[in-house]
């Protein structure tokens, strides 16, 4: 997906999580999209900071256990609408 010079890996992560509504670990996401889990983790942190992805459990409670990440479809849709309005000058 090169439209608007979007980050293709981040888009692939969002798409993968949207297709797995129960969420999943960075390792499983990485296997499905064919990249290293560390790359997925780096992008997941950005998506989490932007409110598009949430993690199971609070940061202090994770303690090295496998964390499942899930997409916030409502916020993703809202952000998409905002971006589209921006592009259209509305």
PDB file of N, CA and C in Angstrom:
ATOM      1  N   UNK A   1       0.850  -1.183   0.000  1.00  0.00           N
ATOM      2  CA  UNK A   1       0.000   0.000   0.000  1.00  0.00           C
ATOM      3  C   UNK A   1       0.888   1.235   0.000  1.00  0.00           C
ATOM      4  N   UNK A   2       1.023   1.865  -1.126  1.00  0.00           N
ATOM      5  CA  UNK A   2       1.898   3.031  -1.215  1.00  0.00           C
ATOM      6  C   UNK A   2       1.126   4.349  -1.241  1.00  0.00           C
ATOM      7  N   UNK A   3      -0.174   4.270  -1.173  1.00  0.00           N
ATOM      8  CA  UNK A   3      -0.978   5.488  -1.220  1.00  0.00           C
ATOM      9  C   UNK A   3      -0.631   6.374  -0.015  1.00  0.00           C
ATOM     10  N   UNK A   4      -0.433   7.659  -0.254  1.00  0.00           N
ATOM     11  CA  UNK A   4      -0.073   8.645   0.769  1.00  0.00           C
ATOM     12  C   UNK A   4       1.236   8.301   1.468  1.00  0.00           C
ATOM     13  N   UNK A   5       2.050   7.439   0.862  1.00  0.00           N
ATOM     14  CA  UNK A   5       3.320   7.018   1.447  1.00  0.00           C
ATOM     15  C   UNK A   5       3.114   6.406   2.840  1.00  0.00           C
ATOM     16  N   UNK A   6       2.038   5.665   3.006  1.00  0.00           N
ATOM     17  CA  UNK A   6       1.735   5.022   4.289  1.00  0.00           C
ATOM     18  C   UNK A   6       2.772   3.949   4.592  1.00  0.00           C
ATOM     19  N   UNK A   7       3.056   3.762   5.859  1.00  0.00           N
ATOM     20  CA  UNK A   7       3.991   2.721   6.276  1.00  0.00           C
ATOM     21  C   UNK A   7       3.339   1.365   6.033  1.00  0.00           C
ATOM     22  N   UNK A   8       3.904   0.602   5.119  1.00  0.00           N
ATOM     23  CA  UNK A   8       3.276  -0.663   4.726  1.00  0.00           C
ATOM     24  C   UNK A   8       3.284  -1.697   5.842  1.00  0.00           C
ATOM     25  N   UNK A   9       4.310  -1.709   6.670  1.00  0.00           N
ATOM     26  CA  UNK A   9       4.353  -2.669   7.773  1.00  0.00           C
ATOM     27  C   UNK A   9       3.296  -2.331   8.820  1.00  0.00           C
ATOM     28  N   UNK A  10       3.166  -1.053   9.129  1.00  0.00           N
ATOM     29  CA  UNK A  10       2.150  -0.646  10.102  1.00  0.00           C
ATOM     30  C   UNK A  10       0.754  -0.961   9.571  1.00  0.00           C
ATOM     31  N   UNK A  11       0.541  -0.734   8.291  1.00  0.00           N
ATOM     32  CA  UNK A  11      -0.750  -1.062   7.680  1.00  0.00           C
ATOM     33  C   UNK A  11      -1.010  -2.564   7.737  1.00  0.00           C
ATOM     34  N   UNK A  12       0.027  -3.372   7.513  1.00  0.00           N
ATOM     35  CA  UNK A  12      -0.125  -4.830   7.574  1.00  0.00           C
ATOM     36  C   UNK A  12      -0.473  -5.292   8.985  1.00  0.00           C
ATOM     37  N   UNK A  13       0.110  -4.653   9.986  1.00  0.00           N
ATOM     38  CA  UNK A  13      -0.190  -5.000  11.382  1.00  0.00           C
ATOM     39  C   UNK A  13      -1.639  -4.658  11.703  1.00  0.00           C
ATOM     40  N   UNK A  14      -2.078  -3.482  11.306  1.00  0.00           N
ATOM     41  CA  UNK A  14      -3.468  -3.072  11.546  1.00  0.00           C
ATOM     42  C   UNK A  14      -4.419  -4.039  10.853  1.00  0.00           C
ATOM     43  N   UNK A  15      -4.121  -4.360   9.614  1.00  0.00           N
ATOM     44  CA  UNK A  15      -4.975  -5.291   8.859  1.00  0.00           C
ATOM     45  C   UNK A  15      -5.020  -6.659   9.536  1.00  0.00           C
ATOM     46  N   UNK A  16      -3.867  -7.155   9.960  1.00  0.00           N
ATOM     47  CA  UNK A  16      -3.813  -8.454  10.621  1.00  0.00           C
ATOM     48  C   UNK A  16      -4.635  -8.445  11.911  1.00  0.00           C
ATOM     49  N   UNK A  17      -4.473  -7.423  12.719  1.00  0.00           N
ATOM     50  CA  UNK A  17      -5.230  -7.359  13.970  1.00  0.00           C
ATOM     51  C   UNK A  17      -6.728  -7.209  13.716  1.00  0.00           C
ATOM     52  N   UNK A  18      -7.092  -6.495  12.664  1.00  0.00           N
ATOM     53  CA  UNK A  18      -8.511  -6.357  12.322  1.00  0.00           C
ATOM     54  C   UNK A  18      -9.112  -7.704  11.937  1.00  0.00           C
ATOM     55  N   UNK A  19      -8.294  -8.582  11.367  1.00  0.00           N
ATOM     56  CA  UNK A  19      -8.763  -9.910  10.971  1.00  0.00           C
ATOM     57  C   UNK A  19      -8.721 -10.911  12.123  1.00  0.00           C
ATOM     58  N   UNK A  20      -8.162 -10.507  13.252  1.00  0.00           N
ATOM     59  CA  UNK A  20      -8.079 -11.358  14.445  1.00  0.00           C
ATOM     60  C   UNK A  20      -8.617 -10.562  15.631  1.00  0.00           C
ATOM     61  N   UNK A  21      -9.945 -10.435  15.710  1.00  0.00           N
ATOM     62  CA  UNK A  21     -10.563  -9.559  16.708  1.00  0.00           C
ATOM     63  C   UNK A  21     -10.248  -9.916  18.161  1.00  0.00           C
ATOM     64  N   UNK A  22      -9.824 -11.129  18.424  1.00  0.00           N
ATOM     65  CA  UNK A  22      -9.444 -11.504  19.787  1.00  0.00           C
ATOM     66  C   UNK A  22      -8.058 -11.027  20.164  1.00  0.00           C
ATOM     67  N   UNK A  23      -7.355 -10.419  19.209  1.00  0.00           N
ATOM     68  CA  UNK A  23      -6.002  -9.953  19.450  1.00  0.00           C
ATOM     69  C   UNK A  23      -4.996 -11.080  19.338  1.00  0.00           C
ATOM     70  N   UNK A  24      -3.720 -10.726  19.428  1.00  0.00           N
ATOM     71  CA  UNK A  24      -2.670 -11.737  19.354  1.00  0.00           C
ATOM     72  C   UNK A  24      -1.354 -11.143  19.819  1.00  0.00           C
ATOM     73  N   UNK A  25      -0.340 -12.007  19.915  1.00  0.00           N
ATOM     74  CA  UNK A  25       0.994 -11.590  20.342  1.00  0.00           C
ATOM     75  C   UNK A  25       1.785 -11.051  19.153  1.00  0.00           C
ATOM     76  N   UNK A  26       2.832 -10.302  19.462  1.00  0.00           N
ATOM     77  CA  UNK A  26       3.678  -9.775  18.390  1.00  0.00           C
ATOM     78  C   UNK A  26       4.325 -10.914  17.604  1.00  0.00           C
ATOM     79  N   UNK A  27       4.658 -12.005  18.279  1.00  0.00           N
ATOM     80  CA  UNK A  27       5.267 -13.150  17.595  1.00  0.00           C
ATOM     81  C   UNK A  27       4.350 -13.765  16.564  1.00  0.00           C
ATOM     82  N   UNK A  28       3.093 -13.963  16.935  1.00  0.00           N
ATOM     83  CA  UNK A  28       2.136 -14.553  15.987  1.00  0.00           C
ATOM     84  C   UNK A  28       1.824 -13.608  14.835  1.00  0.00           C
ATOM     85  N   UNK A  29       1.703 -12.324  15.152  1.00  0.00           N
ATOM     86  CA  UNK A  29       1.460 -11.335  14.096  1.00  0.00           C
ATOM     87  C   UNK A  29       2.632 -11.352  13.117  1.00  0.00           C
ATOM     88  N   UNK A  30       3.845 -11.364  13.658  1.00  0.00           N
ATOM     89  CA  UNK A  30       5.053 -11.359  12.831  1.00  0.00           C
ATOM     90  C   UNK A  30       5.104 -12.570  11.908  1.00  0.00           C
ATOM     91  N   UNK A  31       4.752 -13.730  12.423  1.00  0.00           N
ATOM     92  CA  UNK A  31       4.755 -14.944  11.594  1.00  0.00           C
ATOM     93  C   UNK A  31       3.778 -14.818  10.436  1.00  0.00           C
ATOM     94  N   UNK A  32       2.594 -14.297  10.725  1.00  0.00           N
ATOM     95  CA  UNK A  32       1.578 -14.195   9.678  1.00  0.00           C
ATOM     96  C   UNK A  32       1.955 -13.203   8.588  1.00  0.00           C
ATOM     97  N   UNK A  33       2.610 -12.100   8.969  1.00  0.00           N
ATOM     98  CA  UNK A  33       2.922 -11.094   7.949  1.00  0.00           C
ATOM     99  C   UNK A  33       4.356 -11.219   7.428  1.00  0.00           C
ATOM    100  N   UNK A  34       5.117 -12.163   7.981  1.00  0.00           N
ATOM    101  CA  UNK A  34       6.430 -12.483   7.434  1.00  0.00           C
ATOM    102  C   UNK A  34       7.569 -11.545   7.791  1.00  0.00           C
ATOM    103  N   UNK A  35       7.558 -11.030   9.026  1.00  0.00           N
ATOM    104  CA  UNK A  35       8.653 -10.171   9.484  1.00  0.00           C
ATOM    105  C   UNK A  35       9.089 -10.604  10.882  1.00  0.00           C
ATOM    106  N   UNK A  36      10.161 -10.005  11.377  1.00  0.00           N
ATOM    107  CA  UNK A  36      10.659 -10.296  12.713  1.00  0.00           C
ATOM    108  C   UNK A  36       9.735  -9.667  13.762  1.00  0.00           C
ATOM    109  N   UNK A  37       9.554 -10.366  14.881  1.00  0.00           N
ATOM    110  CA  UNK A  37       8.639  -9.873  15.918  1.00  0.00           C
ATOM    111  C   UNK A  37       9.094  -8.533  16.490  1.00  0.00           C
ATOM    112  N   UNK A  38      10.403  -8.249  16.458  1.00  0.00           N
ATOM    113  CA  UNK A  38      10.893  -6.973  16.995  1.00  0.00           C
ATOM    114  C   UNK A  38      10.420  -5.800  16.144  1.00  0.00           C
ATOM    115  N   UNK A  39      10.302  -6.024  14.833  1.00  0.00           N
ATOM    116  CA  UNK A  39       9.759  -4.979  13.966  1.00  0.00           C
ATOM    117  C   UNK A  39       8.294  -4.733  14.307  1.00  0.00           C
ATOM    118  N   UNK A  40       7.551  -5.815  14.495  1.00  0.00           N
ATOM    119  CA  UNK A  40       6.134  -5.689  14.856  1.00  0.00           C
ATOM    120  C   UNK A  40       6.013  -4.955  16.181  1.00  0.00           C
ATOM    121  N   UNK A  41       6.821  -5.335  17.152  1.00  0.00           N
ATOM    122  CA  UNK A  41       6.758  -4.717  18.477  1.00  0.00           C
ATOM    123  C   UNK A  41       6.986  -3.206  18.390  1.00  0.00           C
ATOM    124  N   UNK A  42       7.983  -2.784  17.623  1.00  0.00           N
ATOM    125  CA  UNK A  42       8.271  -1.354  17.496  1.00  0.00           C
ATOM    126  C   UNK A  42       7.072  -0.596  16.928  1.00  0.00           C
ATOM    127  N   UNK A  43       6.432  -1.150  15.924  1.00  0.00           N
ATOM    128  CA  UNK A  43       5.265  -0.490  15.328  1.00  0.00           C
ATOM    129  C   UNK A  43       4.046  -0.576  16.245  1.00  0.00           C
ATOM    130  N   UNK A  44       3.907  -1.687  16.955  1.00  0.00           N
ATOM    131  CA  UNK A  44       2.792  -1.837  17.905  1.00  0.00           C
ATOM    132  C   UNK A  44       2.862  -0.741  18.964  1.00  0.00           C
ATOM    133  N   UNK A  45       4.066  -0.423  19.442  1.00  0.00           N
ATOM    134  CA  UNK A  45       4.213   0.614  20.467  1.00  0.00           C
ATOM    135  C   UNK A  45       3.733   1.962  19.932  1.00  0.00           C
ATOM    136  N   UNK A  46       4.027   2.262  18.677  1.00  0.00           N
ATOM    137  CA  UNK A  46       3.553   3.502  18.068  1.00  0.00           C
ATOM    138  C   UNK A  46       2.038   3.488  17.943  1.00  0.00           C
ATOM    139  N   UNK A  47       1.496   2.378  17.465  1.00  0.00           N
ATOM    140  CA  UNK A  47       0.042   2.260  17.314  1.00  0.00           C
ATOM    141  C   UNK A  47      -0.655   2.325  18.665  1.00  0.00           C
ATOM    142  N   UNK A  48      -0.031   1.765  19.686  1.00  0.00           N
ATOM    143  CA  UNK A  48      -0.598   1.812  21.037  1.00  0.00           C
ATOM    144  C   UNK A  48      -0.594   3.252  21.554  1.00  0.00           C
ATOM    145  N   UNK A  49       0.494   3.973  21.329  1.00  0.00           N
ATOM    146  CA  UNK A  49       0.579   5.373  21.756  1.00  0.00           C
ATOM    147  C   UNK A  49      -0.454   6.237  21.040  1.00  0.00           C
ATOM    148  N   UNK A  50      -0.790   5.865  19.806  1.00  0.00           N
ATOM    149  CA  UNK A  50      -1.793   6.602  19.028  1.00  0.00           C
ATOM    150  C   UNK A  50      -3.222   6.185  19.359  1.00  0.00           C
ATOM    151  N   UNK A  51      -3.374   5.197  20.238  1.00  0.00           N
ATOM    152  CA  UNK A  51      -4.702   4.753  20.644  1.00  0.00           C
ATOM    153  C   UNK A  51      -5.381   3.814  19.665  1.00  0.00           C
ATOM    154  N   UNK A  52      -4.638   3.292  18.695  1.00  0.00           N
ATOM    155  CA  UNK A  52      -5.231   2.390  17.708  1.00  0.00           C
ATOM    156  C   UNK A  52      -5.136   0.931  18.129  1.00  0.00           C
ATOM    157  N   UNK A  53      -4.220   0.633  19.033  1.00  0.00           N
ATOM    158  CA  UNK A  53      -3.995  -0.727  19.517  1.00  0.00           C
ATOM    159  C   UNK A  53      -3.950  -0.678  21.033  1.00  0.00           C
ATOM    160  N   UNK A  54      -4.488  -1.701  21.663  1.00  0.00           N
ATOM    161  CA  UNK A  54      -4.391  -1.785  23.121  1.00  0.00           C
ATOM    162  C   UNK A  54      -3.795  -3.127  23.508  1.00  0.00           C
ATOM    163  N   UNK A  55      -3.135  -3.124  24.663  1.00  0.00           N
ATOM    164  CA  UNK A  55      -2.487  -4.329  25.172  1.00  0.00           C
ATOM    165  C   UNK A  55      -3.300  -4.895  26.319  1.00  0.00           C
ATOM    166  N   UNK A  56      -3.253  -6.200  26.431  1.00  0.00           N
ATOM    167  CA  UNK A  56      -3.896  -6.903  27.537  1.00  0.00           C
ATOM    168  C   UNK A  56      -3.061  -6.645  28.788  1.00  0.00           C
ATOM    169  N   UNK A  57      -3.665  -6.093  29.821  1.00  0.00           N
ATOM    170  CA  UNK A  57      -2.959  -5.836  31.076  1.00  0.00           C
ATOM    171  C   UNK A  57      -2.246  -4.499  31.077  1.00  0.00           C
ATOM    172  N   UNK A  58      -2.059  -3.967  32.266  1.00  0.00           N
ATOM    173  CA  UNK A  58      -1.345  -2.705  32.433  1.00  0.00           C
ATOM    174  C   UNK A  58       0.147  -2.934  32.252  1.00  0.00           C
ATOM    175  N   UNK A  59       0.867  -1.900  31.883  1.00  0.00           N
ATOM    176  CA  UNK A  59       2.291  -2.015  31.598  1.00  0.00           C
ATOM    177  C   UNK A  59       3.045  -2.644  32.764  1.00  0.00           C
ATOM    178  N   UNK A  60       2.826  -2.203  33.976  1.00  0.00           N
ATOM    179  CA  UNK A  60       3.540  -2.741  35.130  1.00  0.00           C
ATOM    180  C   UNK A  60       3.186  -4.176  35.458  1.00  0.00           C
ATOM    181  N   UNK A  61       2.062  -4.660  34.961  1.00  0.00           N
ATOM    182  CA  UNK A  61       1.598  -6.011  35.274  1.00  0.00           C
ATOM    183  C   UNK A  61       2.035  -7.043  34.240  1.00  0.00           C
ATOM    184  N   UNK A  62       2.664  -6.634  33.175  1.00  0.00           N
ATOM    185  CA  UNK A  62       2.990  -7.560  32.087  1.00  0.00           C
ATOM    186  C   UNK A  62       4.137  -8.492  32.462  1.00  0.00           C
ATOM    187  N   UNK A  63       5.163  -7.982  33.130  1.00  0.00           N
ATOM    188  CA  UNK A  63       6.275  -8.790  33.651  1.00  0.00           C
ATOM    189  C   UNK A  63       6.786  -9.865  32.706  1.00  0.00           C
ATOM    190  N   UNK A  64       7.043  -9.531  31.473  1.00  0.00           N
ATOM    191  CA  UNK A  64       7.642 -10.472  30.541  1.00  0.00           C
ATOM    192  C   UNK A  64       6.722 -11.535  29.985  1.00  0.00           C
ATOM    193  N   UNK A  65       5.483 -11.580  30.433  1.00  0.00           N
ATOM    194  CA  UNK A  65       4.580 -12.591  29.873  1.00  0.00           C
ATOM    195  C   UNK A  65       4.141 -12.158  28.480  1.00  0.00           C
ATOM    196  N   UNK A  66       3.633 -13.102  27.741  1.00  0.00           N
ATOM    197  CA  UNK A  66       3.195 -12.796  26.376  1.00  0.00           C
ATOM    198  C   UNK A  66       1.968 -11.897  26.420  1.00  0.00           C
ATOM    199  N   UNK A  67       2.094 -10.777  25.788  1.00  0.00           N
ATOM    200  CA  UNK A  67       1.026  -9.779  25.794  1.00  0.00           C
ATOM    201  C   UNK A  67       0.250  -9.895  24.491  1.00  0.00           C
ATOM    202  N   UNK A  68      -1.063  -9.887  24.613  1.00  0.00           N
ATOM    203  CA  UNK A  68      -1.930  -9.908  23.434  1.00  0.00           C
ATOM    204  C   UNK A  68      -2.333  -8.472  23.125  1.00  0.00           C
ATOM    205  N   UNK A  69      -2.192  -8.120  21.864  1.00  0.00           N
ATOM    206  CA  UNK A  69      -2.568  -6.792  21.397  1.00  0.00           C
ATOM    207  C   UNK A  69      -3.810  -6.914  20.530  1.00  0.00           C
ATOM    208  N   UNK A  70      -4.671  -5.913  20.627  1.00  0.00           N
ATOM    209  CA  UNK A  70      -5.873  -5.916  19.794  1.00  0.00           C
ATOM    210  C   UNK A  70      -6.103  -4.513  19.236  1.00  0.00           C
ATOM    211  N   UNK A  71      -6.808  -4.476  18.131  1.00  0.00           N
ATOM    212  CA  UNK A  71      -7.092  -3.221  17.443  1.00  0.00           C
ATOM    213  C   UNK A  71      -8.332  -2.581  18.049  1.00  0.00           C
ATOM    214  N   UNK A  72      -8.326  -1.266  18.136  1.00  0.00           N
ATOM    215  CA  UNK A  72      -9.502  -0.518  18.560  1.00  0.00           C
ATOM    216  C   UNK A  72     -10.188  -0.049  17.279  1.00  0.00           C
ATOM    217  N   UNK A  73     -11.120  -0.869  16.785  1.00  0.00           N
ATOM    218  CA  UNK A  73     -11.751  -0.576  15.493  1.00  0.00           C
ATOM    219  C   UNK A  73     -12.500   0.747  15.494  1.00  0.00           C
ATOM    220  N   UNK A  74     -13.132   1.083  16.610  1.00  0.00           N
ATOM    221  CA  UNK A  74     -13.855   2.350  16.689  1.00  0.00           C
ATOM    222  C   UNK A  74     -12.925   3.535  16.511  1.00  0.00           C
ATOM    223  N   UNK A  75     -11.811   3.520  17.221  1.00  0.00           N
ATOM    224  CA  UNK A  75     -10.846   4.612  17.105  1.00  0.00           C
ATOM    225  C   UNK A  75     -10.188   4.622  15.729  1.00  0.00           C
ATOM    226  N   UNK A  76      -9.929   3.446  15.175  1.00  0.00           N
ATOM    227  CA  UNK A  76      -9.363   3.366  13.828  1.00  0.00           C
ATOM    228  C   UNK A  76     -10.303   4.018  12.816  1.00  0.00           C
ATOM    229  N   UNK A  77     -11.579   3.709  12.922  1.00  0.00           N
ATOM    230  CA  UNK A  77     -12.565   4.322  12.014  1.00  0.00           C
ATOM    231  C   UNK A  77     -12.617   5.835  12.210  1.00  0.00           C
ATOM    232  N   UNK A  78     -12.652   6.264  13.473  1.00  0.00           N
ATOM    233  CA  UNK A  78     -12.701   7.699  13.760  1.00  0.00           C
ATOM    234  C   UNK A  78     -11.494   8.424  13.175  1.00  0.00           C
ATOM    235  N   UNK A  79     -10.305   7.857  13.367  1.00  0.00           N
ATOM    236  CA  UNK A  79      -9.089   8.474  12.842  1.00  0.00           C
ATOM    237  C   UNK A  79      -9.092   8.488  11.314  1.00  0.00           C
ATOM    238  N   UNK A  80      -9.638   7.434  10.714  1.00  0.00           N
ATOM    239  CA  UNK A  80      -9.746   7.378   9.256  1.00  0.00           C
ATOM    240  C   UNK A  80     -10.650   8.472   8.714  1.00  0.00           C
ATOM    241  N   UNK A  81     -11.760   8.713   9.395  1.00  0.00           N
ATOM    242  CA  UNK A  81     -12.695   9.772   8.984  1.00  0.00           C
ATOM    243  C   UNK A  81     -12.027  11.137   9.123  1.00  0.00           C
ATOM    244  N   UNK A  82     -11.337  11.352  10.233  1.00  0.00           N
ATOM    245  CA  UNK A  82     -10.644  12.627  10.445  1.00  0.00           C
ATOM    246  C   UNK A  82      -9.611  12.859   9.344  1.00  0.00           C
ATOM    247  N   UNK A  83      -8.852  11.824   9.017  1.00  0.00           N
ATOM    248  CA  UNK A  83      -7.821  11.945   7.982  1.00  0.00           C
ATOM    249  C   UNK A  83      -8.449  12.212   6.615  1.00  0.00           C
ATOM    250  N   UNK A  84      -9.526  11.516   6.319  1.00  0.00           N
ATOM    251  CA  UNK A  84     -10.195  11.717   5.036  1.00  0.00           C
ATOM    252  C   UNK A  84     -10.741  13.142   4.932  1.00  0.00           C
ATOM    253  N   UNK A  85     -11.325  13.648   6.000  1.00  0.00           N
ATOM    254  CA  UNK A  85     -11.829  15.023   5.985  1.00  0.00           C
ATOM    255  C   UNK A  85     -10.687  16.010   5.777  1.00  0.00           C
ATOM    256  N   UNK A  86      -9.564  15.739   6.409  1.00  0.00           N
ATOM    257  CA  UNK A  86      -8.387  16.590   6.222  1.00  0.00           C
ATOM    258  C   UNK A  86      -7.958  16.592   4.755  1.00  0.00           C
ATOM    259  N   UNK A  87      -7.874  15.406   4.162  1.00  0.00           N
ATOM    260  CA  UNK A  87      -7.456  15.301   2.762  1.00  0.00           C
ATOM    261  C   UNK A  87      -8.413  16.019   1.820  1.00  0.00           C
ATOM    262  N   UNK A  88      -9.696  15.995   2.166  1.00  0.00           N
ATOM    263  CA  UNK A  88     -10.712  16.618   1.316  1.00  0.00           C
ATOM    264  C   UNK A  88     -10.913  18.097   1.627  1.00  0.00           C
ATOM    265  N   UNK A  89     -10.194  18.610   2.619  1.00  0.00           N
ATOM    266  CA  UNK A  89     -10.293  20.020   2.971  1.00  0.00           C
ATOM    267  C   UNK A  89     -11.567  20.378   3.692  1.00  0.00           C
ATOM    268  N   UNK A  90     -12.147  19.421   4.357  1.00  0.00           N
ATOM    269  CA  UNK A  90     -13.407  19.683   5.077  1.00  0.00           C
ATOM    270  C   UNK A  90     -13.148  20.115   6.506  1.00  0.00           C
TER     271      UNK A  90
END
